[in-house]
């Protein structure tokens, strides 16, 4: 392991696609301020920092870790794309297999496999839930985004969804609406801080189990996240709870194309299991 800052992209086999993340495989000795400084200097939406696992964490020796996630501005409780990037980095060093990560949101198992010459990681979320958003807060979110209410897809009830981090889910009535993202950065950030949101999950349905998504992330200091695994997990729970998809389904989420970093996230729902599985490939940058 190394305390160097490694650079990986998640949810793509192309270093120019997906969502780049920093990975520090040995962060022992780094305090909060040092981790935040590393994340800020790197400038990616998140950087993951690994340390020794807490006592009692179940898992194969040498394959369990504590992980913390920092954006350039703040710590976040859970980050899906940085988890996938971390799992791929570990897979290259200790081989494919099962990992167990202790995050601030809870325990997250991750399975790493080799498929067609690439490493693929599938994380299992903590137990998710959704909650309603008030009419006033929804109106403020739409005003910050510059979306009139008519731009919402009525099939998607506005909700706050959680699967390790909180995300506001809004459905876009058209693909053109989703593609045109120009929002008030400070206004949306203020609302998100008040509601303890990590991103806003903007969604357009392309098919029964296929979706295009975008994720404004002003609270993290970046305009948009190119591929958002935590939001994908939250969306899977939301889509199932809202009756948009079956209890047992595999969803495909396309993200990043509108900002020139296309990626694909796979979301698996299993009947009888409230947790959500999010998977994708990853590759080292540089």
Protein backbone atom coordinates (compact mmCIF):
# COMPACT_ATOMS: atom_id res chain seq x y z
CA UNK A 1 0.00 0.00 0.00
CA UNK A 2 1.06 3.60 -0.51
CA UNK A 3 0.23 7.03 0.85
CA UNK A 4 0.63 8.47 -2.64
CA UNK A 5 -2.46 10.02 -4.22
CA UNK A 6 -3.58 7.67 -6.98
CA UNK A 7 -5.97 8.75 -9.72
CA UNK A 8 -8.68 6.48 -11.03
CA UNK A 9 -11.87 6.92 -13.01
CA UNK A 10 -15.01 4.99 -12.09
CA UNK A 11 -17.89 3.75 -14.24
CA UNK A 12 -15.83 3.72 -17.43
CA UNK A 13 -13.00 1.76 -19.04
CA UNK A 14 -11.74 4.97 -20.65
CA UNK A 15 -9.61 7.30 -18.49
CA UNK A 16 -11.37 10.19 -20.27
CA UNK A 17 -14.81 8.93 -19.24
CA UNK A 18 -16.60 8.29 -15.97
CA UNK A 19 -15.86 10.15 -12.77
CA UNK A 20 -12.26 10.66 -11.63
CA UNK A 21 -11.44 10.11 -7.97
CA UNK A 22 -8.37 10.34 -5.84
CA UNK A 23 -7.41 7.28 -3.82
CA UNK A 24 -4.96 7.22 -0.91
CA UNK A 25 -4.47 3.59 0.06
CA UNK A 26 -2.57 4.37 3.26
CA UNK A 27 -3.82 7.52 4.97
CA UNK A 28 -2.47 6.68 8.44
CA UNK A 29 -1.09 9.85 9.99
CA UNK A 30 -3.26 12.22 7.94
CA UNK A 31 -5.65 14.28 10.03
CA UNK A 32 -8.88 15.85 8.78
CA UNK A 33 -7.20 19.07 7.69
CA UNK A 34 -4.53 17.17 5.74
CA UNK A 35 -7.11 15.00 3.97
CA UNK A 36 -9.18 18.03 3.04
CA UNK A 37 -6.06 19.77 1.73
CA UNK A 38 -5.18 16.76 -0.44
CA UNK A 39 -8.72 16.63 -1.84
CA UNK A 40 -8.73 20.38 -2.51
CA UNK A 41 -5.37 20.28 -4.28
CA UNK A 42 -6.42 17.34 -6.44
CA UNK A 43 -9.70 19.05 -7.32
CA UNK A 44 -11.74 15.93 -8.07
CA UNK A 45 -15.27 15.74 -6.69
CA UNK A 46 -14.05 13.25 -4.07
CA UNK A 47 -10.90 11.58 -2.80
CA UNK A 48 -10.99 8.40 -0.69
CA UNK A 49 -8.61 7.84 2.23
CA UNK A 50 -8.04 4.33 3.61
CA UNK A 51 -6.89 3.43 7.10
CA UNK A 52 -7.01 0.31 9.28
CA UNK A 53 -10.45 -1.23 9.86
CA UNK A 54 -12.26 -0.75 13.16
CA UNK A 55 -12.01 -3.60 15.63
CA UNK A 56 -14.61 -6.25 14.99
CA UNK A 57 -15.28 -5.46 11.31
CA UNK A 58 -16.10 -8.80 9.71
CA UNK A 59 -14.20 -9.75 6.58
CA UNK A 60 -11.15 -11.52 5.23
CA UNK A 61 -7.95 -10.32 6.89
CA UNK A 62 -6.15 -7.81 4.69
CA UNK A 63 -9.34 -6.99 2.79
CA UNK A 64 -11.13 -4.80 5.34
CA UNK A 65 -10.57 -1.05 5.67
CA UNK A 66 -11.88 2.18 7.08
CA UNK A 67 -12.55 4.73 4.33
CA UNK A 68 -13.33 8.45 4.48
CA UNK A 69 -14.33 10.67 1.57
CA UNK A 70 -13.45 14.33 1.09
CA UNK A 71 -14.56 16.73 -1.61
CA UNK A 72 -12.51 19.90 -2.20
CA UNK A 73 -14.68 21.66 0.40
CA UNK A 74 -15.97 19.13 2.90
CA UNK A 75 -16.16 15.55 4.07
CA UNK A 76 -19.09 13.47 2.77
CA UNK A 77 -20.41 10.37 4.55
CA UNK A 78 -20.33 8.12 1.51
CA UNK A 79 -19.23 8.32 -2.13
CA UNK A 80 -20.03 5.61 -4.64
CA UNK A 81 -17.63 6.46 -7.46
CA UNK A 82 -14.68 6.84 -5.08
CA UNK A 83 -15.64 3.46 -3.58
CA UNK A 84 -15.54 1.86 -7.02
CA UNK A 85 -12.23 3.58 -7.78
CA UNK A 86 -10.80 2.41 -4.45
CA UNK A 87 -11.98 -1.15 -5.01
CA UNK A 88 -10.38 -1.24 -8.46
CA UNK A 89 -7.12 0.15 -7.04
CA UNK A 90 -7.17 -2.52 -4.33
CA UNK A 91 -8.06 -5.20 -6.86
CA UNK A 92 -4.95 -4.36 -8.85
CA UNK A 93 -2.79 -4.71 -5.74
CA UNK A 94 -4.32 -7.55 -3.73
CA UNK A 95 -6.42 -9.23 -6.40
CA UNK A 96 -10.14 -9.55 -7.13
CA UNK A 97 -12.40 -10.73 -4.35
CA UNK A 98 -14.54 -9.46 -1.53
CA UNK A 99 -13.80 -6.23 0.36
CA UNK A 100 -15.50 -4.75 3.41
CA UNK A 101 -15.35 -0.99 3.94
CA UNK A 102 -16.29 0.83 7.12
CA UNK A 103 -17.68 4.23 6.07
CA UNK A 104 -19.27 6.98 8.10
CA UNK A 105 -22.62 5.90 6.64
CA UNK A 106 -22.14 2.26 7.68
CA UNK A 107 -20.55 -0.96 6.46
CA UNK A 108 -20.31 -1.31 2.67
CA UNK A 109 -19.34 -4.67 1.13
CA UNK A 110 -17.73 -4.49 -2.31
CA UNK A 111 -17.12 -7.33 -4.76
CA UNK A 112 -14.30 -6.98 -7.29
CA UNK A 113 -14.19 -9.18 -10.38
CA UNK A 114 -12.19 -9.30 -13.60
CA UNK A 115 -14.28 -9.12 -16.76
CA UNK A 116 -12.84 -9.02 -20.28
CA UNK A 117 -9.53 -7.65 -19.07
CA UNK A 118 -11.04 -4.95 -16.85
CA UNK A 119 -11.80 -4.81 -13.16
CA UNK A 120 -15.40 -4.28 -12.12
CA UNK A 121 -16.59 -3.36 -8.65
CA UNK A 122 -20.08 -3.79 -7.21
CA UNK A 123 -20.90 -2.10 -3.91
CA UNK A 124 -23.85 -2.94 -1.68
CA UNK A 125 -25.41 0.13 -0.08
CA UNK A 126 -26.53 0.63 3.47
CA UNK A 127 -30.29 0.31 3.92
CA UNK A 128 -31.95 3.15 1.98
CA UNK A 129 -35.00 5.28 2.57
CA UNK A 130 -36.83 8.23 1.00
CA UNK A 131 -38.66 11.22 2.43
CA UNK A 132 -40.87 13.98 1.10
CA UNK A 133 -39.67 17.51 0.34
CA UNK A 134 -41.81 20.50 1.28
CA UNK A 135 -43.50 22.57 -1.41
CA UNK A 136 -41.43 25.60 -0.38
CA UNK A 137 -38.12 23.74 -0.59
CA UNK A 138 -39.08 22.22 -3.95
CA UNK A 139 -39.95 25.68 -5.28
CA UNK A 140 -36.58 26.97 -4.09
CA UNK A 141 -34.75 24.07 -5.75
CA UNK A 142 -36.54 24.72 -9.06
CA UNK A 143 -35.83 28.45 -8.82
CA UNK A 144 -32.13 27.77 -8.22
CA UNK A 145 -32.04 25.37 -11.18
CA UNK A 146 -34.00 27.76 -13.40
CA UNK A 147 -36.63 25.08 -14.08
CA UNK A 148 -40.31 26.03 -14.33
CA UNK A 149 -42.56 23.39 -12.70
CA UNK A 150 -43.76 22.32 -16.15
CA UNK A 151 -40.26 20.98 -16.85
CA UNK A 152 -40.74 18.25 -14.24
CA UNK A 153 -41.87 14.77 -15.28
CA UNK A 154 -45.07 14.13 -13.27
CA UNK A 155 -44.26 10.41 -13.14
CA UNK A 156 -41.33 11.20 -10.82
CA UNK A 157 -42.54 12.45 -7.42
CA UNK A 158 -39.91 14.84 -5.98
CA UNK A 159 -38.29 13.09 -3.03
CA UNK A 160 -35.14 13.11 -0.96
CA UNK A 161 -33.52 9.68 -1.27
CA UNK A 162 -30.81 8.18 0.92
CA UNK A 163 -28.51 5.17 0.49
CA UNK A 164 -25.50 6.46 2.41
CA UNK A 165 -25.92 10.13 1.47
CA UNK A 166 -28.94 12.36 0.84
CA UNK A 167 -29.94 13.36 -2.71
CA UNK A 168 -32.94 15.28 -4.03
CA UNK A 169 -34.43 13.36 -6.98
CA UNK A 170 -36.18 15.37 -9.70
CA UNK A 171 -37.49 13.98 -12.99
CA UNK A 172 -36.90 15.96 -16.19
CA UNK A 173 -39.79 15.88 -18.64
CA UNK A 174 -37.49 15.90 -21.69
CA UNK A 175 -33.92 14.95 -22.53
CA UNK A 176 -33.39 18.52 -23.76
CA UNK A 177 -34.33 19.85 -20.31
CA UNK A 178 -31.76 17.56 -18.70
CA UNK A 179 -29.09 18.56 -21.22
CA UNK A 180 -29.53 22.27 -20.51
CA UNK A 181 -28.02 22.66 -17.05
CA UNK A 182 -27.17 26.21 -15.99
CA UNK A 183 -28.04 26.91 -12.37
CA UNK A 184 -27.43 29.41 -9.58
CA UNK A 185 -24.45 27.80 -7.84
CA UNK A 186 -24.62 29.67 -4.54
CA UNK A 187 -28.42 29.57 -4.26
CA UNK A 188 -28.60 25.82 -4.83
CA UNK A 189 -25.66 25.22 -2.49
CA UNK A 190 -27.39 27.16 0.29
CA UNK A 191 -30.55 25.06 -0.05
CA UNK A 192 -28.56 21.83 -0.16
CA UNK A 193 -26.63 22.71 2.98
CA UNK A 194 -29.87 23.48 4.79
CA UNK A 195 -31.41 20.15 3.71
CA UNK A 196 -28.14 18.21 4.20
CA UNK A 197 -28.08 17.14 0.55
CA UNK A 198 -24.93 15.88 -1.15
CA UNK A 199 -26.18 16.20 -4.75
CA UNK A 200 -29.35 16.82 -6.70
CA UNK A 201 -30.20 13.80 -8.86
CA UNK A 202 -31.76 14.99 -12.13
CA UNK A 203 -33.27 12.11 -14.11
CA UNK A 204 -34.82 11.53 -17.52
CA UNK A 205 -36.32 8.17 -18.39
CA UNK A 206 -35.08 6.65 -21.67
CA UNK A 207 -36.74 3.24 -21.33
CA UNK A 208 -38.32 0.85 -18.81
CA UNK A 209 -35.02 0.35 -16.95
CA UNK A 210 -32.78 2.92 -18.66
CA UNK A 211 -32.20 6.48 -17.46
CA UNK A 212 -30.05 9.53 -18.15
CA UNK A 213 -28.92 11.36 -15.02
CA UNK A 214 -27.00 14.47 -13.98
CA UNK A 215 -25.84 15.56 -10.52
CA UNK A 216 -25.18 19.18 -9.55
CA UNK A 217 -22.72 19.18 -6.61
CA UNK A 218 -22.15 22.78 -5.50
CA UNK A 219 -21.78 21.84 -1.82
CA UNK A 220 -18.68 19.87 -2.82
CA UNK A 221 -17.18 22.82 -4.66
CA UNK A 222 -17.79 21.49 -8.18
CA UNK A 223 -20.58 22.36 -10.62
CA UNK A 224 -21.41 18.78 -11.55
CA UNK A 225 -20.42 15.25 -10.65
CA UNK A 226 -19.72 13.16 -13.79
CA UNK A 227 -20.88 9.78 -12.35
CA UNK A 228 -22.45 9.47 -8.93
CA UNK A 229 -22.61 6.03 -7.36
CA UNK A 230 -24.17 7.11 -4.06
CA UNK A 231 -26.94 8.93 -5.92
CA UNK A 232 -27.41 5.89 -8.19
CA UNK A 233 -28.00 3.73 -5.11
CA UNK A 234 -30.42 6.30 -3.69
CA UNK A 235 -32.21 6.52 -7.03
CA UNK A 236 -32.59 2.74 -7.20
CA UNK A 237 -34.35 2.75 -3.85
CA UNK A 238 -36.46 5.74 -4.88
CA UNK A 239 -37.45 4.18 -8.22
CA UNK A 240 -38.52 0.95 -6.54
CA UNK A 241 -40.41 2.70 -3.73
CA UNK A 242 -42.15 4.99 -6.25
CA UNK A 243 -43.29 2.05 -8.37
CA UNK A 244 -41.27 3.19 -11.38
CA UNK A 245 -39.47 -0.17 -11.68
CA UNK A 246 -40.09 -3.72 -10.38
CA UNK A 247 -38.81 -4.86 -6.99
CA UNK A 248 -36.37 -7.10 -8.83
CA UNK A 249 -34.64 -5.24 -11.66
CA UNK A 250 -31.34 -4.14 -13.17
CA UNK A 251 -31.25 -0.47 -14.13
CA UNK A 252 -28.79 1.24 -16.47
CA UNK A 253 -27.89 4.85 -15.71
CA UNK A 254 -26.04 6.95 -18.28
CA UNK A 255 -24.19 9.91 -16.82
CA UNK A 256 -21.46 12.33 -17.86
CA UNK A 257 -22.14 12.49 -21.60
CA UNK A 258 -23.39 16.08 -21.34
CA UNK A 259 -20.08 17.14 -19.83
CA UNK A 260 -17.84 15.06 -22.09
CA UNK A 261 -17.12 12.23 -19.63
CA UNK A 262 -19.60 9.45 -20.49
CA UNK A 263 -20.02 6.65 -17.98
CA UNK A 264 -22.42 3.81 -17.23
CA UNK A 265 -23.69 2.79 -13.80
CA UNK A 266 -25.52 -0.49 -13.21
CA UNK A 267 -28.07 -0.52 -10.39
CA UNK A 268 -29.37 -3.88 -9.18
CA UNK A 269 -32.51 -4.29 -7.08
CA UNK A 270 -33.32 -7.62 -5.46
CA UNK A 271 -36.75 -8.58 -4.20
CA UNK A 272 -36.70 -9.04 -0.46
CA UNK A 273 -33.47 -7.06 0.04
CA UNK A 274 -33.88 -3.32 0.65
CA UNK A 275 -30.25 -2.62 -0.11
CA UNK A 276 -29.14 -1.49 -3.57
CA UNK A 277 -26.14 -2.73 -5.53
CA UNK A 278 -24.25 -0.32 -7.78
CA UNK A 279 -21.57 -1.53 -10.14
CA UNK A 280 -19.18 -0.34 -12.79
CA UNK A 281 -15.72 -0.67 -14.22
CA UNK A 282 -12.76 1.50 -13.36
CA UNK A 283 -9.30 2.28 -14.66
CA UNK A 284 -6.23 4.16 -13.53
CA UNK A 285 -5.64 7.62 -14.98
CA UNK A 286 -2.12 8.18 -16.23
